[in-house]
Amino acid sequence: EATVRLARDVLAEFGDEQPRQLGPSQLEVAVLDRTRPRRTFVRFDSGRLATLLAE
């Protein structure tokens, strides 16, 4: 959870001349599920991402 917020904050700070607001609609987050065959990535849906960013 803290990692997702940190990544959002770093992305928001760099890349433009001014810091920008990044929310769930501007981000795509996935985790690697090593327990699945062929090591599949699992995407967070917008609801889960909104919850993680709000905490």
N, C-alpha and C. Protein backbone atom coordinates (compact mmCIF):
# COMPACT_ATOMS: atom_id res chain seq x y z
N GLU A 1 0.81 -1.19 0.00
CA GLU A 1 0.00 0.00 0.00
C GLU A 1 0.86 1.25 0.00
N ALA A 2 1.83 1.31 0.89
CA ALA A 2 2.71 2.47 0.94
C ALA A 2 3.53 2.58 -0.34
N THR A 3 3.87 1.45 -0.93
CA THR A 3 4.64 1.44 -2.16
C THR A 3 3.86 2.07 -3.30
N VAL A 4 2.57 1.78 -3.39
CA VAL A 4 1.73 2.36 -4.44
C VAL A 4 1.65 3.87 -4.27
N ARG A 5 1.47 4.34 -3.05
CA ARG A 5 1.40 5.78 -2.81
C ARG A 5 2.73 6.45 -3.11
N LEU A 6 3.84 5.82 -2.72
CA LEU A 6 5.16 6.37 -3.00
C LEU A 6 5.39 6.48 -4.51
N ALA A 7 5.05 5.43 -5.24
CA ALA A 7 5.22 5.45 -6.70
C ALA A 7 4.38 6.57 -7.32
N ARG A 8 3.14 6.73 -6.86
CA ARG A 8 2.28 7.81 -7.37
C ARG A 8 2.91 9.17 -7.09
N ASP A 9 3.42 9.37 -5.88
CA ASP A 9 4.01 10.65 -5.51
C ASP A 9 5.25 10.97 -6.34
N VAL A 10 6.08 9.97 -6.59
CA VAL A 10 7.28 10.18 -7.40
C VAL A 10 6.90 10.51 -8.84
N LEU A 11 5.96 9.77 -9.40
CA LEU A 11 5.51 10.04 -10.77
C LEU A 11 4.88 11.43 -10.88
N ALA A 12 4.15 11.85 -9.86
CA ALA A 12 3.50 13.16 -9.88
C ALA A 12 4.51 14.29 -9.81
N GLU A 13 5.61 14.07 -9.11
CA GLU A 13 6.59 15.13 -8.90
C GLU A 13 7.48 15.35 -10.12
N PHE A 14 7.81 14.32 -10.83
CA PHE A 14 8.77 14.43 -11.92
C PHE A 14 8.10 14.26 -13.28
N GLY A 15 8.70 14.86 -14.29
CA GLY A 15 8.21 14.68 -15.65
C GLY A 15 7.56 15.92 -16.23
N ASP A 16 6.97 16.74 -15.41
CA ASP A 16 6.38 18.00 -15.85
C ASP A 16 7.08 19.13 -15.11
N GLU A 17 6.83 20.34 -15.57
CA GLU A 17 7.44 21.49 -14.90
C GLU A 17 6.87 21.69 -13.50
N GLN A 18 5.60 21.37 -13.32
CA GLN A 18 4.96 21.51 -12.02
C GLN A 18 4.42 20.16 -11.57
N PRO A 19 4.37 19.94 -10.26
CA PRO A 19 3.77 18.68 -9.78
C PRO A 19 2.33 18.55 -10.29
N ARG A 20 1.91 17.33 -10.52
CA ARG A 20 0.56 17.09 -11.03
C ARG A 20 -0.18 16.14 -10.09
N GLN A 21 -1.48 16.15 -10.17
CA GLN A 21 -2.32 15.26 -9.38
C GLN A 21 -2.55 13.99 -10.18
N LEU A 22 -2.20 12.86 -9.61
CA LEU A 22 -2.43 11.57 -10.26
C LEU A 22 -3.39 10.75 -9.41
N GLY A 23 -4.47 10.33 -10.02
CA GLY A 23 -5.45 9.51 -9.33
C GLY A 23 -5.60 8.17 -10.01
N PRO A 24 -6.52 7.37 -9.56
CA PRO A 24 -6.72 6.03 -10.11
C PRO A 24 -6.97 6.01 -11.62
N SER A 25 -7.59 7.06 -12.15
CA SER A 25 -7.88 7.06 -13.59
C SER A 25 -6.65 7.33 -14.45
N GLN A 26 -5.57 7.85 -13.85
CA GLN A 26 -4.34 8.10 -14.60
C GLN A 26 -3.28 7.03 -14.39
N LEU A 27 -3.53 6.08 -13.52
CA LEU A 27 -2.53 5.08 -13.18
C LEU A 27 -2.99 3.68 -13.56
N GLU A 28 -2.01 2.84 -13.86
CA GLU A 28 -2.28 1.42 -14.07
C GLU A 28 -1.28 0.67 -13.19
N VAL A 29 -1.79 -0.15 -12.29
CA VAL A 29 -0.95 -0.87 -11.34
C VAL A 29 -1.22 -2.36 -11.46
N ALA A 30 -0.13 -3.13 -11.48
CA ALA A 30 -0.24 -4.58 -11.54
C ALA A 30 0.85 -5.19 -10.67
N VAL A 31 0.59 -6.40 -10.22
CA VAL A 31 1.58 -7.15 -9.45
C VAL A 31 1.82 -8.49 -10.13
N LEU A 32 3.02 -8.99 -9.98
CA LEU A 32 3.37 -10.28 -10.55
C LEU A 32 2.94 -11.38 -9.59
N ASP A 33 2.10 -12.27 -10.05
CA ASP A 33 1.64 -13.40 -9.24
C ASP A 33 2.51 -14.60 -9.60
N ARG A 34 3.49 -14.88 -8.77
CA ARG A 34 4.42 -15.97 -9.04
C ARG A 34 3.81 -17.35 -8.83
N THR A 35 2.63 -17.40 -8.21
CA THR A 35 1.99 -18.69 -7.97
C THR A 35 1.21 -19.18 -9.18
N ARG A 36 0.95 -18.32 -10.14
CA ARG A 36 0.19 -18.70 -11.33
C ARG A 36 1.13 -19.29 -12.38
N PRO A 37 0.59 -20.13 -13.24
CA PRO A 37 1.40 -20.65 -14.34
C PRO A 37 1.88 -19.48 -15.21
N ARG A 38 3.07 -19.57 -15.66
CA ARG A 38 3.66 -18.56 -16.54
C ARG A 38 3.79 -17.19 -15.89
N ARG A 39 3.80 -17.12 -14.56
CA ARG A 39 4.04 -15.88 -13.81
C ARG A 39 3.25 -14.71 -14.38
N THR A 40 1.98 -14.72 -14.20
CA THR A 40 1.05 -13.75 -14.76
C THR A 40 0.95 -12.49 -13.91
N PHE A 41 0.82 -11.35 -14.57
CA PHE A 41 0.55 -10.09 -13.88
C PHE A 41 -0.94 -9.96 -13.61
N VAL A 42 -1.27 -9.45 -12.44
CA VAL A 42 -2.66 -9.22 -12.06
C VAL A 42 -2.84 -7.71 -11.87
N ARG A 43 -3.76 -7.12 -12.63
CA ARG A 43 -4.01 -5.68 -12.52
C ARG A 43 -4.94 -5.37 -11.36
N PHE A 44 -4.68 -4.22 -10.71
CA PHE A 44 -5.60 -3.71 -9.69
C PHE A 44 -6.71 -2.97 -10.41
N ASP A 45 -7.96 -3.24 -10.05
CA ASP A 45 -9.06 -2.49 -10.65
C ASP A 45 -9.10 -1.09 -10.02
N SER A 46 -9.87 -0.19 -10.61
CA SER A 46 -9.87 1.21 -10.17
C SER A 46 -10.37 1.36 -8.73
N GLY A 47 -11.29 0.51 -8.31
CA GLY A 47 -11.78 0.57 -6.93
C GLY A 47 -10.69 0.23 -5.93
N ARG A 48 -9.99 -0.85 -6.20
CA ARG A 48 -8.88 -1.25 -5.31
C ARG A 48 -7.79 -0.20 -5.30
N LEU A 49 -7.47 0.33 -6.47
CA LEU A 49 -6.44 1.36 -6.55
C LEU A 49 -6.86 2.62 -5.80
N ALA A 50 -8.11 3.03 -5.92
CA ALA A 50 -8.61 4.20 -5.20
C ALA A 50 -8.50 3.98 -3.69
N THR A 51 -8.81 2.78 -3.23
CA THR A 51 -8.71 2.46 -1.81
C THR A 51 -7.26 2.55 -1.34
N LEU A 52 -6.34 2.00 -2.12
CA LEU A 52 -4.93 2.03 -1.74
C LEU A 52 -4.39 3.45 -1.69
N LEU A 53 -4.79 4.27 -2.64
CA LEU A 53 -4.29 5.65 -2.69
C LEU A 53 -4.89 6.52 -1.59
N ALA A 54 -6.07 6.18 -1.12
CA ALA A 54 -6.75 6.98 -0.09
C ALA A 54 -6.21 6.70 1.30
N GLU A 55 -5.64 5.55 1.53
CA GLU A 55 -5.18 5.17 2.88
C GLU A 55 -3.95 5.94 3.29
